[in-house]
PDB file of all heavy atoms in Angstrom:
ATOM      1  N   VAL A   1       9.188   3.640 148.918  1.00  0.00           N
ATOM      2  CA  VAL A   1       8.972   3.906 147.433  1.00  0.00           C
ATOM      3  C   VAL A   1      10.244   3.492 146.745  1.00  0.00           C
ATOM      4  O   VAL A   1      11.275   4.083 146.876  1.00  0.00           O
ATOM      5  CB  VAL A   1       8.723   5.368 147.224  1.00  0.00           C
ATOM      6  CG1 VAL A   1       8.446   5.634 145.724  1.00  0.00           C
ATOM      7  CG2 VAL A   1       7.551   5.873 148.050  1.00  0.00           C
ATOM      8  N   PRO A   2      10.164   2.423 145.971  1.00  0.00           N
ATOM      9  CA  PRO A   2      11.331   1.997 145.250  1.00  0.00           C
ATOM     10  C   PRO A   2      11.777   2.858 144.133  1.00  0.00           C
ATOM     11  O   PRO A   2      10.915   3.461 143.452  1.00  0.00           O
ATOM     12  CB  PRO A   2      10.935   0.504 144.667  1.00  0.00           C
ATOM     13  CG  PRO A   2       9.474   0.669 144.572  1.00  0.00           C
ATOM     14  CD  PRO A   2       9.000   1.535 145.700  1.00  0.00           C
ATOM     15  N   LEU A   3      13.029   3.077 143.857  1.00  0.00           N
ATOM     16  CA  LEU A   3      13.517   3.886 142.760  1.00  0.00           C
ATOM     17  C   LEU A   3      13.033   3.370 141.390  1.00  0.00           C
ATOM     18  O   LEU A   3      12.980   4.107 140.491  1.00  0.00           O
ATOM     19  CB  LEU A   3      15.061   4.044 142.835  1.00  0.00           C
ATOM     20  CG  LEU A   3      15.618   4.961 143.875  1.00  0.00           C
ATOM     21  CD1 LEU A   3      17.139   4.853 143.841  1.00  0.00           C
ATOM     22  CD2 LEU A   3      15.187   6.355 143.484  1.00  0.00           C
ATOM     23  N   SER A   4      12.865   2.022 141.312  1.00  0.00           N
ATOM     24  CA  SER A   4      12.422   1.439 140.082  1.00  0.00           C
ATOM     25  C   SER A   4      11.097   1.920 139.606  1.00  0.00           C
ATOM     26  O   SER A   4      10.748   1.749 138.441  1.00  0.00           O
ATOM     27  CB  SER A   4      12.388  -0.025 140.213  1.00  0.00           C
ATOM     28  OG  SER A   4      11.508  -0.535 141.237  1.00  0.00           O
ATOM     29  N   ALA A   5      10.339   2.618 140.569  1.00  0.00           N
ATOM     30  CA  ALA A   5       9.017   3.073 140.183  1.00  0.00           C
ATOM     31  C   ALA A   5       9.066   4.236 139.215  1.00  0.00           C
ATOM     32  O   ALA A   5       8.053   4.624 138.667  1.00  0.00           O
ATOM     33  CB  ALA A   5       8.252   3.501 141.503  1.00  0.00           C
ATOM     34  N   GLY A   6      10.241   4.839 139.070  1.00  0.00           N
ATOM     35  CA  GLY A   6      10.421   5.981 138.139  1.00  0.00           C
ATOM     36  C   GLY A   6      10.353   7.285 138.842  1.00  0.00           C
ATOM     37  O   GLY A   6       9.671   7.423 139.941  1.00  0.00           O
ATOM     38  N   ILE A   7      10.947   8.308 138.213  1.00  0.00           N
ATOM     39  CA  ILE A   7      10.947   9.679 138.792  1.00  0.00           C
ATOM     40  C   ILE A   7      10.525  10.680 137.780  1.00  0.00           C
ATOM     41  O   ILE A   7      11.082  10.599 136.585  1.00  0.00           O
ATOM     42  CB  ILE A   7      12.371  10.026 139.290  1.00  0.00           C
ATOM     43  CG1 ILE A   7      12.855   9.026 140.374  1.00  0.00           C
ATOM     44  CG2 ILE A   7      12.344  11.425 139.976  1.00  0.00           C
ATOM     45  CD1 ILE A   7      14.317   9.181 140.815  1.00  0.00           C
ATOM     46  N   SER A   8       9.640  11.544 138.123  1.00  0.00           N
ATOM     47  CA  SER A   8       9.130  12.520 137.119  1.00  0.00           C
ATOM     48  C   SER A   8      10.159  13.606 136.944  1.00  0.00           C
ATOM     49  O   SER A   8      11.079  13.826 137.808  1.00  0.00           O
ATOM     50  CB  SER A   8       7.849  13.171 137.618  1.00  0.00           C
ATOM     51  OG  SER A   8       8.116  13.962 138.774  1.00  0.00           O
ATOM     52  N   PRO A   9      10.165  14.319 135.831  1.00  0.00           N
ATOM     53  CA  PRO A   9      11.130  15.431 135.562  1.00  0.00           C
ATOM     54  C   PRO A   9      11.081  16.470 136.704  1.00  0.00           C
ATOM     55  O   PRO A   9      12.107  17.029 137.114  1.00  0.00           O
ATOM     56  CB  PRO A   9      10.643  16.012 134.253  1.00  0.00           C
ATOM     57  CG  PRO A   9       9.961  14.932 133.591  1.00  0.00           C
ATOM     58  CD  PRO A   9       9.245  14.114 134.636  1.00  0.00           C
ATOM     59  N   GLU A  10       9.883  16.691 137.291  1.00  0.00           N
ATOM     60  CA  GLU A  10       9.766  17.695 138.387  1.00  0.00           C
ATOM     61  C   GLU A  10      10.525  17.222 139.606  1.00  0.00           C
ATOM     62  O   GLU A  10      11.247  18.013 140.150  1.00  0.00           O
ATOM     63  CB  GLU A  10       8.351  17.832 138.718  1.00  0.00           C
ATOM     64  CG  GLU A  10       7.998  18.962 139.837  1.00  0.00           C
ATOM     65  CD  GLU A  10       6.537  19.066 140.115  1.00  0.00           C
ATOM     66  OE1 GLU A  10       5.889  18.028 140.146  1.00  0.00           O
ATOM     67  OE2 GLU A  10       6.119  20.210 140.469  1.00  0.00           O
ATOM     68  N   ALA A  11      10.329  15.988 140.008  1.00  0.00           N
ATOM     69  CA  ALA A  11      11.049  15.414 141.182  1.00  0.00           C
ATOM     70  C   ALA A  11      12.556  15.439 140.873  1.00  0.00           C
ATOM     71  O   ALA A  11      13.377  15.726 141.813  1.00  0.00           O
ATOM     72  CB  ALA A  11      10.542  14.058 141.471  1.00  0.00           C
ATOM     73  N   LEU A  12      12.936  15.065 139.695  1.00  0.00           N
ATOM     74  CA  LEU A  12      14.377  14.999 139.365  1.00  0.00           C
ATOM     75  C   LEU A  12      15.003  16.394 139.461  1.00  0.00           C
ATOM     76  O   LEU A  12      16.127  16.576 139.875  1.00  0.00           O
ATOM     77  CB  LEU A  12      14.619  14.450 137.990  1.00  0.00           C
ATOM     78  CG  LEU A  12      16.073  14.271 137.478  1.00  0.00           C
ATOM     79  CD1 LEU A  12      16.826  13.378 138.409  1.00  0.00           C
ATOM     80  CD2 LEU A  12      16.132  13.765 136.090  1.00  0.00           C
ATOM     81  N   ALA A  13      14.212  17.427 138.983  1.00  0.00           N
ATOM     82  CA  ALA A  13      14.667  18.835 139.096  1.00  0.00           C
ATOM     83  C   ALA A  13      14.878  19.206 140.504  1.00  0.00           C
ATOM     84  O   ALA A  13      15.918  19.931 140.833  1.00  0.00           O
ATOM     85  CB  ALA A  13      13.697  19.727 138.407  1.00  0.00           C
ATOM     86  N   MET A  14      13.983  18.764 141.403  1.00  0.00           N
ATOM     87  CA  MET A  14      14.126  19.092 142.793  1.00  0.00           C
ATOM     88  C   MET A  14      15.400  18.417 143.430  1.00  0.00           C
ATOM     89  O   MET A  14      15.989  18.996 144.258  1.00  0.00           O
ATOM     90  CB  MET A  14      12.866  18.688 143.556  1.00  0.00           C
ATOM     91  CG  MET A  14      11.627  19.500 143.243  1.00  0.00           C
ATOM     92  SD  MET A  14      11.790  21.237 143.673  1.00  0.00           S
ATOM     93  CE  MET A  14      12.089  21.868 141.959  1.00  0.00           C
ATOM     94  N   VAL A  15      15.696  17.174 143.026  1.00  0.00           N
ATOM     95  CA  VAL A  15      16.945  16.554 143.471  1.00  0.00           C
ATOM     96  C   VAL A  15      18.132  17.341 143.034  1.00  0.00           C
ATOM     97  O   VAL A  15      19.078  17.511 143.879  1.00  0.00           O
ATOM     98  CB  VAL A  15      16.912  15.087 142.896  1.00  0.00           C
ATOM     99  CG1 VAL A  15      18.316  14.449 143.250  1.00  0.00           C
ATOM    100  CG2 VAL A  15      15.852  14.259 143.491  1.00  0.00           C
ATOM    101  N   ILE A  16      18.160  17.726 141.803  1.00  0.00           N
ATOM    102  CA  ILE A  16      19.303  18.570 141.371  1.00  0.00           C
ATOM    103  C   ILE A  16      19.452  19.858 142.146  1.00  0.00           C
ATOM    104  O   ILE A  16      20.548  20.261 142.514  1.00  0.00           O
ATOM    105  CB  ILE A  16      19.193  18.847 139.796  1.00  0.00           C
ATOM    106  CG1 ILE A  16      19.239  17.514 139.018  1.00  0.00           C
ATOM    107  CG2 ILE A  16      20.303  19.778 139.310  1.00  0.00           C
ATOM    108  CD1 ILE A  16      18.958  17.650 137.599  1.00  0.00           C
ATOM    109  N   VAL A  17      18.287  20.562 142.347  1.00  0.00           N
ATOM    110  CA  VAL A  17      18.355  21.788 143.172  1.00  0.00           C
ATOM    111  C   VAL A  17      18.836  21.498 144.545  1.00  0.00           C
ATOM    112  O   VAL A  17      19.645  22.297 145.083  1.00  0.00           O
ATOM    113  CB  VAL A  17      16.895  22.369 143.161  1.00  0.00           C
ATOM    114  CG1 VAL A  17      16.843  23.498 144.236  1.00  0.00           C
ATOM    115  CG2 VAL A  17      16.517  22.924 141.824  1.00  0.00           C
ATOM    116  N   LEU A  18      18.426  20.381 145.160  1.00  0.00           N
ATOM    117  CA  LEU A  18      18.830  20.041 146.492  1.00  0.00           C
ATOM    118  C   LEU A  18      20.276  19.827 146.543  1.00  0.00           C
ATOM    119  O   LEU A  18      21.070  20.267 147.458  1.00  0.00           O
ATOM    120  CB  LEU A  18      18.078  18.868 147.037  1.00  0.00           C
ATOM    121  CG  LEU A  18      16.600  19.095 147.469  1.00  0.00           C
ATOM    122  CD1 LEU A  18      15.847  17.802 147.705  1.00  0.00           C
ATOM    123  CD2 LEU A  18      16.577  19.880 148.756  1.00  0.00           C
ATOM    124  N   GLY A  19      20.832  19.040 145.615  1.00  0.00           N
ATOM    125  CA  GLY A  19      22.255  18.651 145.626  1.00  0.00           C
ATOM    126  C   GLY A  19      23.120  19.827 145.352  1.00  0.00           C
ATOM    127  O   GLY A  19      24.123  20.144 146.103  1.00  0.00           O
ATOM    128  N   VAL A  20      22.971  20.548 144.266  1.00  0.00           N
ATOM    129  CA  VAL A  20      23.733  21.726 143.935  1.00  0.00           C
ATOM    130  C   VAL A  20      23.560  22.831 145.041  1.00  0.00           C
ATOM    131  O   VAL A  20      24.520  23.414 145.449  1.00  0.00           O
ATOM    132  CB  VAL A  20      23.388  22.252 142.547  1.00  0.00           C
ATOM    133  CG1 VAL A  20      24.145  23.528 142.218  1.00  0.00           C
ATOM    134  CG2 VAL A  20      23.613  21.271 141.476  1.00  0.00           C
ATOM    135  N   GLY A  21      22.328  22.967 145.481  1.00  0.00           N
ATOM    136  CA  GLY A  21      22.039  23.986 146.470  1.00  0.00           C
ATOM    137  C   GLY A  21      22.842  23.662 147.767  1.00  0.00           C
ATOM    138  O   GLY A  21      23.271  24.613 148.491  1.00  0.00           O
ATOM    139  N   SER A  22      22.855  22.428 148.161  1.00  0.00           N
ATOM    140  CA  SER A  22      23.647  22.007 149.403  1.00  0.00           C
ATOM    141  C   SER A  22      25.095  22.363 149.267  1.00  0.00           C
ATOM    142  O   SER A  22      25.752  22.832 150.226  1.00  0.00           O
ATOM    143  CB  SER A  22      23.425  20.519 149.683  1.00  0.00           C
ATOM    144  OG  SER A  22      22.100  20.183 149.942  1.00  0.00           O
ATOM    145  N   ALA A  23      25.649  22.054 148.136  1.00  0.00           N
ATOM    146  CA  ALA A  23      27.061  22.399 147.862  1.00  0.00           C
ATOM    147  C   ALA A  23      27.339  23.923 147.915  1.00  0.00           C
ATOM    148  O   ALA A  23      28.263  24.360 148.592  1.00  0.00           O
ATOM    149  CB  ALA A  23      27.513  21.879 146.530  1.00  0.00           C
ATOM    150  N   ILE A  24      26.442  24.716 147.304  1.00  0.00           N
ATOM    151  CA  ILE A  24      26.555  26.115 147.272  1.00  0.00           C
ATOM    152  C   ILE A  24      26.505  26.712 148.764  1.00  0.00           C
ATOM    153  O   ILE A  24      27.225  27.571 149.163  1.00  0.00           O
ATOM    154  CB  ILE A  24      25.558  26.814 146.362  1.00  0.00           C
ATOM    155  CG1 ILE A  24      25.914  26.466 144.936  1.00  0.00           C
ATOM    156  CG2 ILE A  24      25.649  28.386 146.519  1.00  0.00           C
ATOM    157  CD1 ILE A  24      24.823  26.939 143.964  1.00  0.00           C
ATOM    158  N   ALA A  25      25.446  26.166 149.407  1.00  0.00           N
ATOM    159  CA  ALA A  25      25.173  26.669 150.781  1.00  0.00           C
ATOM    160  C   ALA A  25      26.348  26.343 151.691  1.00  0.00           C
ATOM    161  O   ALA A  25      26.720  27.158 152.570  1.00  0.00           O
ATOM    162  CB  ALA A  25      23.908  26.003 151.381  1.00  0.00           C
TER     163      ALA A  25
END
């Protein structure tokens, strides 16, 4: 799945949760 296909706000929110969550964990 190429990144150029676009990312929905829901998927982007999950990426942020994953990144910040990984740092906190």
